[in-house]
């Protein structure tokens, strides 16, 4: 179970860095997250399978979303869900 939680936490951190356009290249991002590049690409591929439109922008040397998306994993009340729907 802890493995799943760790993967979700990694995805949340990667999502945050992508939104800030502050990932750096794959080696820098893997180093920042204290994981291997292989594991980084595995996590990014999982995110892509979950429909994250991730691409790498060479000019700013950062992974980016090619369209606006939201990422949230966890339980929340119906009220919170309704409020978030109004944000998009």
PDB file of N, CA and C in Angstrom:
ATOM      1  N   UNK A   1       0.815  -1.190   0.000  1.00  0.00           N
ATOM      2  CA  UNK A   1       0.000   0.000   0.000  1.00  0.00           C
ATOM      3  C   UNK A   1       0.863   1.261   0.000  1.00  0.00           C
ATOM      4  N   UNK A   2       1.967   1.235   0.741  1.00  0.00           N
ATOM      5  CA  UNK A   2       2.845   2.394   0.794  1.00  0.00           C
ATOM      6  C   UNK A   2       3.430   2.728  -0.571  1.00  0.00           C
ATOM      7  N   UNK A   3       3.629   1.713  -1.409  1.00  0.00           N
ATOM      8  CA  UNK A   3       4.180   1.939  -2.750  1.00  0.00           C
ATOM      9  C   UNK A   3       3.218   2.798  -3.568  1.00  0.00           C
ATOM     10  N   UNK A   4       1.935   2.499  -3.475  1.00  0.00           N
ATOM     11  CA  UNK A   4       0.923   3.272  -4.206  1.00  0.00           C
ATOM     12  C   UNK A   4       0.921   4.714  -3.725  1.00  0.00           C
ATOM     13  N   UNK A   5       0.958   4.903  -2.430  1.00  0.00           N
ATOM     14  CA  UNK A   5       0.954   6.254  -1.866  1.00  0.00           C
ATOM     15  C   UNK A   5       2.196   7.012  -2.309  1.00  0.00           C
ATOM     16  N   UNK A   6       3.349   6.372  -2.307  1.00  0.00           N
ATOM     17  CA  UNK A   6       4.589   7.025  -2.742  1.00  0.00           C
ATOM     18  C   UNK A   6       4.499   7.445  -4.210  1.00  0.00           C
ATOM     19  N   UNK A   7       3.914   6.579  -5.057  1.00  0.00           N
ATOM     20  CA  UNK A   7       3.739   6.927  -6.469  1.00  0.00           C
ATOM     21  C   UNK A   7       2.811   8.134  -6.624  1.00  0.00           C
ATOM     22  N   UNK A   8       1.743   8.151  -5.877  1.00  0.00           N
ATOM     23  CA  UNK A   8       0.804   9.284  -5.939  1.00  0.00           C
ATOM     24  C   UNK A   8       1.492  10.555  -5.474  1.00  0.00           C
ATOM     25  N   UNK A   9       2.267  10.476  -4.398  1.00  0.00           N
ATOM     26  CA  UNK A   9       3.000  11.647  -3.917  1.00  0.00           C
ATOM     27  C   UNK A   9       3.992  12.149  -4.964  1.00  0.00           C
ATOM     28  N   UNK A  10       4.659  11.218  -5.651  1.00  0.00           N
ATOM     29  CA  UNK A  10       5.580  11.608  -6.726  1.00  0.00           C
ATOM     30  C   UNK A  10       4.822  12.307  -7.854  1.00  0.00           C
ATOM     31  N   UNK A  11       3.669  11.760  -8.228  1.00  0.00           N
ATOM     32  CA  UNK A  11       2.869  12.381  -9.278  1.00  0.00           C
ATOM     33  C   UNK A  11       2.429  13.787  -8.863  1.00  0.00           C
ATOM     34  N   UNK A  12       2.039  13.952  -7.610  1.00  0.00           N
ATOM     35  CA  UNK A  12       1.632  15.270  -7.125  1.00  0.00           C
ATOM     36  C   UNK A  12       2.794  16.254  -7.190  1.00  0.00           C
ATOM     37  N   UNK A  13       3.987  15.809  -6.817  1.00  0.00           N
ATOM     38  CA  UNK A  13       5.169  16.689  -6.846  1.00  0.00           C
ATOM     39  C   UNK A  13       5.539  17.036  -8.287  1.00  0.00           C
ATOM     40  N   UNK A  14       5.513  16.042  -9.176  1.00  0.00           N
ATOM     41  CA  UNK A  14       5.815  16.294 -10.584  1.00  0.00           C
ATOM     42  C   UNK A  14       4.790  17.258 -11.163  1.00  0.00           C
ATOM     43  N   UNK A  15       3.518  17.053 -10.842  1.00  0.00           N
ATOM     44  CA  UNK A  15       2.456  17.949 -11.312  1.00  0.00           C
ATOM     45  C   UNK A  15       2.738  19.381 -10.868  1.00  0.00           C
ATOM     46  N   UNK A  16       3.107  19.553  -9.606  1.00  0.00           N
ATOM     47  CA  UNK A  16       3.392  20.888  -9.080  1.00  0.00           C
ATOM     48  C   UNK A  16       4.554  21.536  -9.839  1.00  0.00           C
ATOM     49  N   UNK A  17       5.621  20.792 -10.075  1.00  0.00           N
ATOM     50  CA  UNK A  17       6.782  21.332 -10.781  1.00  0.00           C
ATOM     51  C   UNK A  17       6.462  21.636 -12.242  1.00  0.00           C
ATOM     52  N   UNK A  18       5.643  20.801 -12.872  1.00  0.00           N
ATOM     53  CA  UNK A  18       5.237  21.065 -14.260  1.00  0.00           C
ATOM     54  C   UNK A  18       4.438  22.362 -14.320  1.00  0.00           C
ATOM     55  N   UNK A  19       3.515  22.556 -13.387  1.00  0.00           N
ATOM     56  CA  UNK A  19       2.702  23.776 -13.375  1.00  0.00           C
ATOM     57  C   UNK A  19       3.568  25.028 -13.206  1.00  0.00           C
ATOM     58  N   UNK A  20       4.656  24.905 -12.473  1.00  0.00           N
ATOM     59  CA  UNK A  20       5.562  26.030 -12.270  1.00  0.00           C
ATOM     60  C   UNK A  20       6.583  26.142 -13.411  1.00  0.00           C
ATOM     61  N   UNK A  21       6.542  25.190 -14.341  1.00  0.00           N
ATOM     62  CA  UNK A  21       7.519  25.087 -15.426  1.00  0.00           C
ATOM     63  C   UNK A  21       8.934  25.117 -14.861  1.00  0.00           C
ATOM     64  N   UNK A  22       9.132  24.293 -13.820  1.00  0.00           N
ATOM     65  CA  UNK A  22      10.405  24.284 -13.098  1.00  0.00           C
ATOM     66  C   UNK A  22      10.950  22.871 -12.916  1.00  0.00           C
ATOM     67  N   UNK A  23      10.709  22.005 -13.903  1.00  0.00           N
ATOM     68  CA  UNK A  23      11.191  20.633 -13.750  1.00  0.00           C
ATOM     69  C   UNK A  23      12.663  20.506 -14.111  1.00  0.00           C
ATOM     70  N   UNK A  24      13.136  21.341 -15.033  1.00  0.00           N
ATOM     71  CA  UNK A  24      14.470  21.126 -15.577  1.00  0.00           C
ATOM     72  C   UNK A  24      14.414  19.927 -16.510  1.00  0.00           C
ATOM     73  N   UNK A  25      15.573  19.469 -16.952  1.00  0.00           N
ATOM     74  CA  UNK A  25      15.572  18.290 -17.828  1.00  0.00           C
ATOM     75  C   UNK A  25      15.349  17.027 -16.997  1.00  0.00           C
ATOM     76  N   UNK A  26      15.286  15.884 -17.653  1.00  0.00           N
ATOM     77  CA  UNK A  26      14.947  14.650 -16.947  1.00  0.00           C
ATOM     78  C   UNK A  26      15.971  14.294 -15.870  1.00  0.00           C
ATOM     79  N   UNK A  27      17.247  14.524 -16.129  1.00  0.00           N
ATOM     80  CA  UNK A  27      18.281  14.219 -15.131  1.00  0.00           C
ATOM     81  C   UNK A  27      18.130  15.120 -13.904  1.00  0.00           C
ATOM     82  N   UNK A  28      17.866  16.403 -14.138  1.00  0.00           N
ATOM     83  CA  UNK A  28      17.693  17.345 -13.026  1.00  0.00           C
ATOM     84  C   UNK A  28      16.452  17.010 -12.208  1.00  0.00           C
ATOM     85  N   UNK A  29      15.365  16.680 -12.899  1.00  0.00           N
ATOM     86  CA  UNK A  29      14.124  16.347 -12.197  1.00  0.00           C
ATOM     87  C   UNK A  29      14.282  15.070 -11.386  1.00  0.00           C
ATOM     88  N   UNK A  30      14.891  14.063 -11.976  1.00  0.00           N
ATOM     89  CA  UNK A  30      15.111  12.804 -11.248  1.00  0.00           C
ATOM     90  C   UNK A  30      15.968  13.046 -10.010  1.00  0.00           C
ATOM     91  N   UNK A  31      16.995  13.859 -10.166  1.00  0.00           N
ATOM     92  CA  UNK A  31      17.868  14.178  -9.033  1.00  0.00           C
ATOM     93  C   UNK A  31      17.100  14.927  -7.948  1.00  0.00           C
ATOM     94  N   UNK A  32      16.306  15.892  -8.336  1.00  0.00           N
ATOM     95  CA  UNK A  32      15.511  16.675  -7.380  1.00  0.00           C
ATOM     96  C   UNK A  32      14.549  15.779  -6.605  1.00  0.00           C
ATOM     97  N   UNK A  33      13.973  14.791  -7.297  1.00  0.00           N
ATOM     98  CA  UNK A  33      13.015  13.881  -6.664  1.00  0.00           C
ATOM     99  C   UNK A  33      13.691  12.701  -5.968  1.00  0.00           C
ATOM    100  N   UNK A  34      15.020  12.608  -6.136  1.00  0.00           N
ATOM    101  CA  UNK A  34      15.811  11.512  -5.549  1.00  0.00           C
ATOM    102  C   UNK A  34      15.354  10.143  -6.062  1.00  0.00           C
ATOM    103  N   UNK A  35      15.114  10.085  -7.380  1.00  0.00           N
ATOM    104  CA  UNK A  35      14.760   8.828  -8.037  1.00  0.00           C
ATOM    105  C   UNK A  35      15.605   8.692  -9.298  1.00  0.00           C
ATOM    106  N   UNK A  36      15.604   7.506  -9.887  1.00  0.00           N
ATOM    107  CA  UNK A  36      16.350   7.307 -11.123  1.00  0.00           C
ATOM    108  C   UNK A  36      15.567   7.889 -12.303  1.00  0.00           C
ATOM    109  N   UNK A  37      16.283   8.137 -13.403  1.00  0.00           N
ATOM    110  CA  UNK A  37      15.602   8.618 -14.612  1.00  0.00           C
ATOM    111  C   UNK A  37      14.616   7.577 -15.108  1.00  0.00           C
ATOM    112  N   UNK A  38      14.961   6.301 -14.966  1.00  0.00           N
ATOM    113  CA  UNK A  38      14.051   5.233 -15.387  1.00  0.00           C
ATOM    114  C   UNK A  38      12.741   5.304 -14.614  1.00  0.00           C
ATOM    115  N   UNK A  39      12.836   5.467 -13.303  1.00  0.00           N
ATOM    116  CA  UNK A  39      11.624   5.574 -12.478  1.00  0.00           C
ATOM    117  C   UNK A  39      10.846   6.832 -12.837  1.00  0.00           C
ATOM    118  N   UNK A  40      11.555   7.939 -13.088  1.00  0.00           N
ATOM    119  CA  UNK A  40      10.892   9.170 -13.493  1.00  0.00           C
ATOM    120  C   UNK A  40      10.057   8.940 -14.750  1.00  0.00           C
ATOM    121  N   UNK A  41      10.655   8.309 -15.756  1.00  0.00           N
ATOM    122  CA  UNK A  41       9.914   8.073 -16.995  1.00  0.00           C
ATOM    123  C   UNK A  41       8.763   7.095 -16.790  1.00  0.00           C
ATOM    124  N   UNK A  42       8.919   6.145 -15.882  1.00  0.00           N
ATOM    125  CA  UNK A  42       7.797   5.250 -15.568  1.00  0.00           C
ATOM    126  C   UNK A  42       6.632   6.047 -14.993  1.00  0.00           C
ATOM    127  N   UNK A  43       6.929   6.962 -14.059  1.00  0.00           N
ATOM    128  CA  UNK A  43       5.873   7.777 -13.440  1.00  0.00           C
ATOM    129  C   UNK A  43       5.232   8.692 -14.484  1.00  0.00           C
ATOM    130  N   UNK A  44       6.045   9.325 -15.325  1.00  0.00           N
ATOM    131  CA  UNK A  44       5.497  10.196 -16.371  1.00  0.00           C
ATOM    132  C   UNK A  44       4.613   9.401 -17.327  1.00  0.00           C
ATOM    133  N   UNK A  45       5.028   8.179 -17.667  1.00  0.00           N
ATOM    134  CA  UNK A  45       4.200   7.341 -18.545  1.00  0.00           C
ATOM    135  C   UNK A  45       2.887   6.963 -17.876  1.00  0.00           C
ATOM    136  N   UNK A  46       2.910   6.709 -16.571  1.00  0.00           N
ATOM    137  CA  UNK A  46       1.665   6.435 -15.840  1.00  0.00           C
ATOM    138  C   UNK A  46       0.763   7.667 -15.901  1.00  0.00           C
ATOM    139  N   UNK A  47       1.347   8.846 -15.684  1.00  0.00           N
ATOM    140  CA  UNK A  47       0.568  10.085 -15.745  1.00  0.00           C
ATOM    141  C   UNK A  47      -0.049  10.253 -17.135  1.00  0.00           C
ATOM    142  N   UNK A  48       0.719   9.940 -18.179  1.00  0.00           N
ATOM    143  CA  UNK A  48       0.196  10.041 -19.546  1.00  0.00           C
ATOM    144  C   UNK A  48      -0.944   9.058 -19.773  1.00  0.00           C
ATOM    145  N   UNK A  49      -0.831   7.853 -19.204  1.00  0.00           N
ATOM    146  CA  UNK A  49      -1.920   6.879 -19.329  1.00  0.00           C
ATOM    147  C   UNK A  49      -3.175   7.358 -18.605  1.00  0.00           C
ATOM    148  N   UNK A  50      -2.990   8.237 -17.615  1.00  0.00           N
ATOM    149  CA  UNK A  50      -4.122   8.834 -16.908  1.00  0.00           C
ATOM    150  C   UNK A  50      -4.573  10.133 -17.584  1.00  0.00           C
ATOM    151  N   UNK A  51      -4.131  10.327 -18.832  1.00  0.00           N
ATOM    152  CA  UNK A  51      -4.518  11.454 -19.699  1.00  0.00           C
ATOM    153  C   UNK A  51      -3.835  12.782 -19.378  1.00  0.00           C
ATOM    154  N   UNK A  52      -2.680  12.753 -18.746  1.00  0.00           N
ATOM    155  CA  UNK A  52      -1.927  13.990 -18.528  1.00  0.00           C
ATOM    156  C   UNK A  52      -1.225  14.347 -19.840  1.00  0.00           C
ATOM    157  N   UNK A  53      -1.519  15.533 -20.398  1.00  0.00           N
ATOM    158  CA  UNK A  53      -0.915  15.929 -21.679  1.00  0.00           C
ATOM    159  C   UNK A  53       0.491  16.513 -21.486  1.00  0.00           C
ATOM    160  N   UNK A  54       1.425  15.656 -21.073  1.00  0.00           N
ATOM    161  CA  UNK A  54       2.781  16.097 -20.749  1.00  0.00           C
ATOM    162  C   UNK A  54       3.662  16.055 -21.994  1.00  0.00           C
ATOM    163  N   UNK A  55       4.447  17.106 -22.142  1.00  0.00           N
ATOM    164  CA  UNK A  55       5.439  17.186 -23.214  1.00  0.00           C
ATOM    165  C   UNK A  55       6.672  17.868 -22.636  1.00  0.00           C
ATOM    166  N   UNK A  56       7.773  17.804 -23.366  1.00  0.00           N
ATOM    167  CA  UNK A  56       8.988  18.484 -22.925  1.00  0.00           C
ATOM    168  C   UNK A  56       9.229  19.681 -23.826  1.00  0.00           C
ATOM    169  N   UNK A  57       9.396  20.853 -23.230  1.00  0.00           N
ATOM    170  CA  UNK A  57       9.647  22.079 -23.974  1.00  0.00           C
ATOM    171  C   UNK A  57      11.144  22.362 -23.926  1.00  0.00           C
ATOM    172  N   UNK A  58      11.803  22.211 -25.073  1.00  0.00           N
ATOM    173  CA  UNK A  58      13.251  22.361 -25.148  1.00  0.00           C
ATOM    174  C   UNK A  58      13.683  23.787 -24.842  1.00  0.00           C
ATOM    175  N   UNK A  59      12.923  24.773 -25.308  1.00  0.00           N
ATOM    176  CA  UNK A  59      13.342  26.163 -25.139  1.00  0.00           C
ATOM    177  C   UNK A  59      13.374  26.609 -23.675  1.00  0.00           C
ATOM    178  N   UNK A  60      12.458  26.106 -22.851  1.00  0.00           N
ATOM    179  CA  UNK A  60      12.495  26.466 -21.421  1.00  0.00           C
ATOM    180  C   UNK A  60      13.076  25.341 -20.566  1.00  0.00           C
ATOM    181  N   UNK A  61      13.446  24.249 -21.201  1.00  0.00           N
ATOM    182  CA  UNK A  61      14.024  23.075 -20.540  1.00  0.00           C
ATOM    183  C   UNK A  61      13.189  22.633 -19.342  1.00  0.00           C
ATOM    184  N   UNK A  62      11.920  22.364 -19.634  1.00  0.00           N
ATOM    185  CA  UNK A  62      11.005  21.914 -18.591  1.00  0.00           C
ATOM    186  C   UNK A  62       9.902  21.074 -19.223  1.00  0.00           C
ATOM    187  N   UNK A  63       9.429  20.108 -18.443  1.00  0.00           N
ATOM    188  CA  UNK A  63       8.227  19.404 -18.867  1.00  0.00           C
ATOM    189  C   UNK A  63       7.070  20.377 -18.701  1.00  0.00           C
ATOM    190  N   UNK A  64       6.095  20.300 -19.583  1.00  0.00           N
ATOM    191  CA  UNK A  64       4.943  21.204 -19.555  1.00  0.00           C
ATOM    192  C   UNK A  64       3.678  20.404 -19.867  1.00  0.00           C
ATOM    193  N   UNK A  65       2.546  21.001 -19.523  1.00  0.00           N
ATOM    194  CA  UNK A  65       1.263  20.474 -19.983  1.00  0.00           C
ATOM    195  C   UNK A  65       0.933  21.203 -21.274  1.00  0.00           C
ATOM    196  N   UNK A  66       0.531  20.467 -22.306  1.00  0.00           N
ATOM    197  CA  UNK A  66       0.204  21.098 -23.580  1.00  0.00           C
ATOM    198  C   UNK A  66      -1.207  21.673 -23.579  1.00  0.00           C
ATOM    199  N   UNK A  67      -1.988  21.342 -22.571  1.00  0.00           N
ATOM    200  CA  UNK A  67      -3.284  21.971 -22.354  1.00  0.00           C
ATOM    201  C   UNK A  67      -3.550  21.990 -20.852  1.00  0.00           C
ATOM    202  N   UNK A  68      -4.432  22.872 -20.427  1.00  0.00           N
ATOM    203  CA  UNK A  68      -4.707  23.032 -19.002  1.00  0.00           C
ATOM    204  C   UNK A  68      -5.450  21.813 -18.459  1.00  0.00           C
ATOM    205  N   UNK A  69      -4.935  21.278 -17.371  1.00  0.00           N
ATOM    206  CA  UNK A  69      -5.558  20.125 -16.719  1.00  0.00           C
ATOM    207  C   UNK A  69      -5.500  20.305 -15.213  1.00  0.00           C
ATOM    208  N   UNK A  70      -6.251  19.511 -14.518  1.00  0.00           N
ATOM    209  CA  UNK A  70      -6.208  19.481 -13.062  1.00  0.00           C
ATOM    210  C   UNK A  70      -5.864  18.072 -12.613  1.00  0.00           C
ATOM    211  N   UNK A  71      -5.192  17.964 -11.486  1.00  0.00           N
ATOM    212  CA  UNK A  71      -4.856  16.649 -10.932  1.00  0.00           C
ATOM    213  C   UNK A  71      -5.177  16.663  -9.452  1.00  0.00           C
ATOM    214  N   UNK A  72      -5.997  15.716  -9.039  1.00  0.00           N
ATOM    215  CA  UNK A  72      -6.333  15.593  -7.625  1.00  0.00           C
ATOM    216  C   UNK A  72      -6.603  14.130  -7.363  1.00  0.00           C
ATOM    217  N   UNK A  73      -5.960  13.607  -6.355  1.00  0.00           N
ATOM    218  CA  UNK A  73      -6.189  12.223  -5.980  1.00  0.00           C
ATOM    219  C   UNK A  73      -6.499  12.192  -4.498  1.00  0.00           C
ATOM    220  N   UNK A  74      -7.620  11.639  -4.165  1.00  0.00           N
ATOM    221  CA  UNK A  74      -8.006  11.536  -2.767  1.00  0.00           C
ATOM    222  C   UNK A  74      -9.508  11.666  -2.622  1.00  0.00           C
ATOM    223  N   UNK A  75      -9.945  11.672  -1.414  1.00  0.00           N
ATOM    224  CA  UNK A  75     -11.367  11.783  -1.132  1.00  0.00           C
ATOM    225  C   UNK A  75     -11.696  13.217  -0.752  1.00  0.00           C
ATOM    226  N   UNK A  76     -12.857  13.666  -1.149  1.00  0.00           N
ATOM    227  CA  UNK A  76     -13.287  15.018  -0.856  1.00  0.00           C
ATOM    228  C   UNK A  76     -14.801  15.035  -0.810  1.00  0.00           C
ATOM    229  N   UNK A  77     -15.362  16.051  -0.190  1.00  0.00           N
ATOM    230  CA  UNK A  77     -16.810  16.159  -0.048  1.00  0.00           C
ATOM    231  C   UNK A  77     -17.433  16.603  -1.371  1.00  0.00           C
ATOM    232  N   UNK A  78     -18.715  16.381  -1.516  1.00  0.00           N
ATOM    233  CA  UNK A  78     -19.420  16.812  -2.715  1.00  0.00           C
ATOM    234  C   UNK A  78     -19.333  18.327  -2.875  1.00  0.00           C
ATOM    235  N   UNK A  79     -19.379  19.047  -1.764  1.00  0.00           N
ATOM    236  CA  UNK A  79     -19.296  20.504  -1.809  1.00  0.00           C
ATOM    237  C   UNK A  79     -17.949  20.953  -2.388  1.00  0.00           C
ATOM    238  N   UNK A  80     -16.876  20.329  -1.934  1.00  0.00           N
ATOM    239  CA  UNK A  80     -15.550  20.679  -2.464  1.00  0.00           C
ATOM    240  C   UNK A  80     -15.497  20.395  -3.964  1.00  0.00           C
ATOM    241  N   UNK A  81     -16.072  19.267  -4.390  1.00  0.00           N
ATOM    242  CA  UNK A  81     -16.076  18.891  -5.802  1.00  0.00           C
ATOM    243  C   UNK A  81     -16.831  19.928  -6.631  1.00  0.00           C
ATOM    244  N   UNK A  82     -17.982  20.369  -6.125  1.00  0.00           N
ATOM    245  CA  UNK A  82     -18.781  21.367  -6.833  1.00  0.00           C
ATOM    246  C   UNK A  82     -18.026  22.688  -6.972  1.00  0.00           C
ATOM    247  N   UNK A  83     -17.339  23.094  -5.930  1.00  0.00           N
ATOM    248  CA  UNK A  83     -16.557  24.331  -5.965  1.00  0.00           C
ATOM    249  C   UNK A  83     -15.421  24.226  -6.981  1.00  0.00           C
ATOM    250  N   UNK A  84     -14.774  23.077  -7.043  1.00  0.00           N
ATOM    251  CA  UNK A  84     -13.666  22.898  -7.989  1.00  0.00           C
ATOM    252  C   UNK A  84     -14.176  22.895  -9.422  1.00  0.00           C
ATOM    253  N   UNK A  85     -15.347  22.366  -9.662  1.00  0.00           N
ATOM    254  CA  UNK A  85     -15.898  22.373 -11.008  1.00  0.00           C
ATOM    255  C   UNK A  85     -16.104  23.797 -11.514  1.00  0.00           C
ATOM    256  N   UNK A  86     -16.443  24.691 -10.631  1.00  0.00           N
ATOM    257  CA  UNK A  86     -16.654  26.083 -11.005  1.00  0.00           C
ATOM    258  C   UNK A  86     -15.361  26.820 -11.329  1.00  0.00           C
ATOM    259  N   UNK A  87     -14.210  26.250 -10.937  1.00  0.00           N
ATOM    260  CA  UNK A  87     -12.925  26.882 -11.210  1.00  0.00           C
ATOM    261  C   UNK A  87     -12.513  26.739 -12.663  1.00  0.00           C
ATOM    262  N   UNK A  88     -12.937  25.681 -13.324  1.00  0.00           N
ATOM    263  CA  UNK A  88     -12.490  25.435 -14.697  1.00  0.00           C
ATOM    264  C   UNK A  88     -13.347  26.137 -15.681  1.00  0.00           C
TER     265      UNK A  88
END
